[in-house]
N, C-alpha and C. Protein backbone atom coordinates (compact mmCIF):
# COMPACT_ATOMS: atom_id res chain seq x y z
N MET A 1 7.49 -9.10 11.67
CA MET A 1 7.22 -8.73 10.28
C MET A 1 5.73 -8.77 10.11
N ALA A 2 5.33 -7.77 9.34
CA ALA A 2 3.87 -7.74 9.06
C ALA A 2 3.34 -8.69 8.00
N HIS A 3 2.18 -9.15 8.15
CA HIS A 3 1.59 -10.10 7.23
C HIS A 3 0.46 -9.58 6.59
N ILE A 4 0.37 -9.56 5.19
CA ILE A 4 -0.82 -9.07 4.59
C ILE A 4 -1.81 -10.33 4.47
N ALA A 5 -3.00 -10.12 5.07
CA ALA A 5 -4.04 -11.08 4.97
C ALA A 5 -4.62 -10.99 3.53
N ASP A 6 -5.11 -12.17 3.15
CA ASP A 6 -5.63 -12.24 1.69
C ASP A 6 -7.02 -11.89 1.62
N HIS A 7 -7.54 -10.90 2.38
CA HIS A 7 -8.91 -10.36 2.34
C HIS A 7 -9.21 -9.70 1.00
N LEU A 8 -8.38 -8.92 0.62
CA LEU A 8 -8.51 -8.06 -0.62
C LEU A 8 -7.30 -8.50 -1.68
N SER A 9 -7.53 -8.52 -2.89
CA SER A 9 -6.39 -8.75 -3.89
C SER A 9 -5.76 -7.45 -4.00
N VAL A 10 -4.46 -7.61 -4.58
CA VAL A 10 -3.60 -6.40 -4.76
C VAL A 10 -4.31 -5.41 -5.69
N GLU A 11 -5.04 -5.95 -6.65
CA GLU A 11 -5.70 -5.05 -7.56
C GLU A 11 -6.88 -4.17 -6.83
N GLU A 12 -7.57 -4.83 -5.91
CA GLU A 12 -8.54 -4.27 -5.19
C GLU A 12 -7.99 -3.28 -4.23
N LEU A 13 -6.95 -3.47 -3.57
CA LEU A 13 -6.27 -2.64 -2.73
C LEU A 13 -5.75 -1.30 -3.50
N GLY A 14 -5.29 -1.50 -4.62
CA GLY A 14 -4.99 -0.29 -5.59
C GLY A 14 -6.16 0.32 -5.86
N ARG A 15 -7.22 -0.25 -6.20
CA ARG A 15 -8.32 0.43 -6.61
C ARG A 15 -8.98 1.29 -5.52
N ARG A 16 -8.93 0.68 -4.28
CA ARG A 16 -9.38 1.45 -3.09
C ARG A 16 -8.50 2.73 -2.83
N ALA A 17 -7.22 2.51 -2.97
CA ALA A 17 -6.26 3.51 -2.68
C ALA A 17 -6.57 4.70 -3.72
N ARG A 18 -6.82 4.44 -4.91
CA ARG A 18 -7.06 5.52 -5.96
C ARG A 18 -8.41 6.17 -5.74
N THR A 19 -9.54 5.36 -5.31
CA THR A 19 -10.86 5.86 -5.45
C THR A 19 -11.54 6.24 -4.02
N SER A 20 -10.87 5.92 -3.01
CA SER A 20 -11.51 6.29 -1.64
C SER A 20 -11.77 7.72 -1.49
N ALA A 21 -13.04 8.17 -1.01
CA ALA A 21 -13.25 9.44 -0.75
C ALA A 21 -12.60 10.12 0.51
N ASP A 22 -12.22 9.08 1.36
CA ASP A 22 -11.71 9.48 2.63
C ASP A 22 -10.03 9.42 2.40
N ALA A 23 -9.42 10.59 2.63
CA ALA A 23 -7.98 10.75 2.28
C ALA A 23 -7.16 9.84 3.16
N CYS A 24 -7.63 9.72 4.45
CA CYS A 24 -6.91 8.92 5.47
C CYS A 24 -6.98 7.37 5.04
N ALA A 25 -8.12 6.98 4.61
CA ALA A 25 -8.31 5.63 4.23
C ALA A 25 -7.68 5.29 3.02
N ALA A 26 -7.61 6.27 2.12
CA ALA A 26 -6.91 6.09 0.84
C ALA A 26 -5.35 5.78 1.07
N ARG A 27 -4.91 6.60 1.98
CA ARG A 27 -3.32 6.53 2.26
C ARG A 27 -3.18 5.20 3.05
N HIS A 28 -4.06 4.68 3.86
CA HIS A 28 -3.88 3.34 4.54
C HIS A 28 -3.94 2.28 3.35
N TYR A 29 -4.86 2.33 2.49
CA TYR A 29 -4.98 1.36 1.47
C TYR A 29 -3.71 1.42 0.55
N GLN A 30 -3.17 2.57 0.31
CA GLN A 30 -1.97 2.70 -0.47
C GLN A 30 -0.90 2.15 0.15
N ALA A 31 -0.60 2.25 1.49
CA ALA A 31 0.37 1.62 2.25
C ALA A 31 0.34 0.13 2.22
N ILE A 32 -0.84 -0.32 2.43
CA ILE A 32 -1.00 -1.78 2.40
C ILE A 32 -0.82 -2.26 1.00
N TRP A 33 -1.27 -1.57 -0.02
CA TRP A 33 -1.05 -2.06 -1.31
C TRP A 33 0.41 -2.01 -1.79
N LEU A 34 1.16 -1.03 -1.23
CA LEU A 34 2.56 -1.14 -1.68
C LEU A 34 3.34 -2.33 -0.85
N LEU A 35 2.94 -2.54 0.38
CA LEU A 35 3.44 -3.59 1.05
C LEU A 35 3.08 -4.91 0.40
N ALA A 36 1.85 -5.00 -0.10
CA ALA A 36 1.35 -6.32 -0.77
C ALA A 36 2.11 -6.59 -2.11
N GLN A 37 2.56 -5.54 -2.73
CA GLN A 37 3.44 -5.57 -3.94
C GLN A 37 4.88 -5.91 -3.55
N GLY A 38 5.20 -5.91 -2.36
CA GLY A 38 6.56 -6.06 -1.86
C GLY A 38 7.43 -4.90 -1.87
N ALA A 39 6.76 -3.73 -1.69
CA ALA A 39 7.53 -2.47 -1.72
C ALA A 39 8.57 -2.29 -0.57
N ALA A 40 8.31 -2.98 0.52
CA ALA A 40 9.32 -2.66 1.68
C ALA A 40 10.55 -3.53 1.32
N GLY A 41 10.53 -4.56 0.43
CA GLY A 41 11.78 -5.27 0.17
C GLY A 41 12.38 -5.18 -1.20
N VAL A 42 12.04 -4.04 -1.92
CA VAL A 42 12.40 -3.95 -3.31
C VAL A 42 13.65 -3.07 -3.26
N GLY A 43 14.77 -3.54 -2.87
CA GLY A 43 15.96 -2.68 -2.82
C GLY A 43 15.84 -1.23 -2.39
N ASP A 44 16.44 -0.40 -3.15
CA ASP A 44 16.46 1.06 -2.73
C ASP A 44 15.24 1.77 -3.10
N GLY A 45 14.44 1.38 -3.99
CA GLY A 45 13.21 2.20 -4.37
C GLY A 45 12.00 1.86 -3.53
N GLY A 46 11.82 0.62 -3.01
CA GLY A 46 10.66 0.37 -2.39
C GLY A 46 10.45 1.04 -1.00
N ARG A 47 11.44 1.19 -0.24
CA ARG A 47 11.24 1.90 1.07
C ARG A 47 10.84 3.44 0.80
N HIS A 48 11.50 4.00 -0.23
CA HIS A 48 11.22 5.41 -0.54
C HIS A 48 9.71 5.53 -1.06
N ARG A 49 9.23 4.50 -1.88
CA ARG A 49 7.87 4.66 -2.16
C ARG A 49 6.82 4.42 -1.03
N LEU A 50 7.23 3.62 -0.25
CA LEU A 50 6.40 3.34 1.03
C LEU A 50 6.39 4.61 1.98
N ARG A 51 7.61 5.14 2.18
CA ARG A 51 7.72 6.38 2.98
C ARG A 51 7.01 7.47 2.42
N ALA A 52 7.01 7.70 1.10
CA ALA A 52 6.30 8.81 0.49
C ALA A 52 4.78 8.63 0.63
N ALA A 53 4.39 7.36 0.56
CA ALA A 53 2.90 7.02 0.68
C ALA A 53 2.45 7.28 1.98
N LEU A 54 3.26 7.13 3.08
CA LEU A 54 2.85 7.26 4.40
C LEU A 54 2.90 8.77 4.88
N ALA A 55 3.69 9.69 4.08
CA ALA A 55 3.82 11.01 4.51
C ALA A 55 2.70 11.85 4.20
């Protein structure tokens, strides 16, 4: 199982996902941001949000 290191806060990950000029980096931040929020374990909706972010 992946572990999210505490280098950046959830808020900072979200900010970087929204404001990154590099689309690839933005999607990486978004995926990590979703995981940091518990998206992979949020019943039926979490996996779909994560999969959509990675697409």
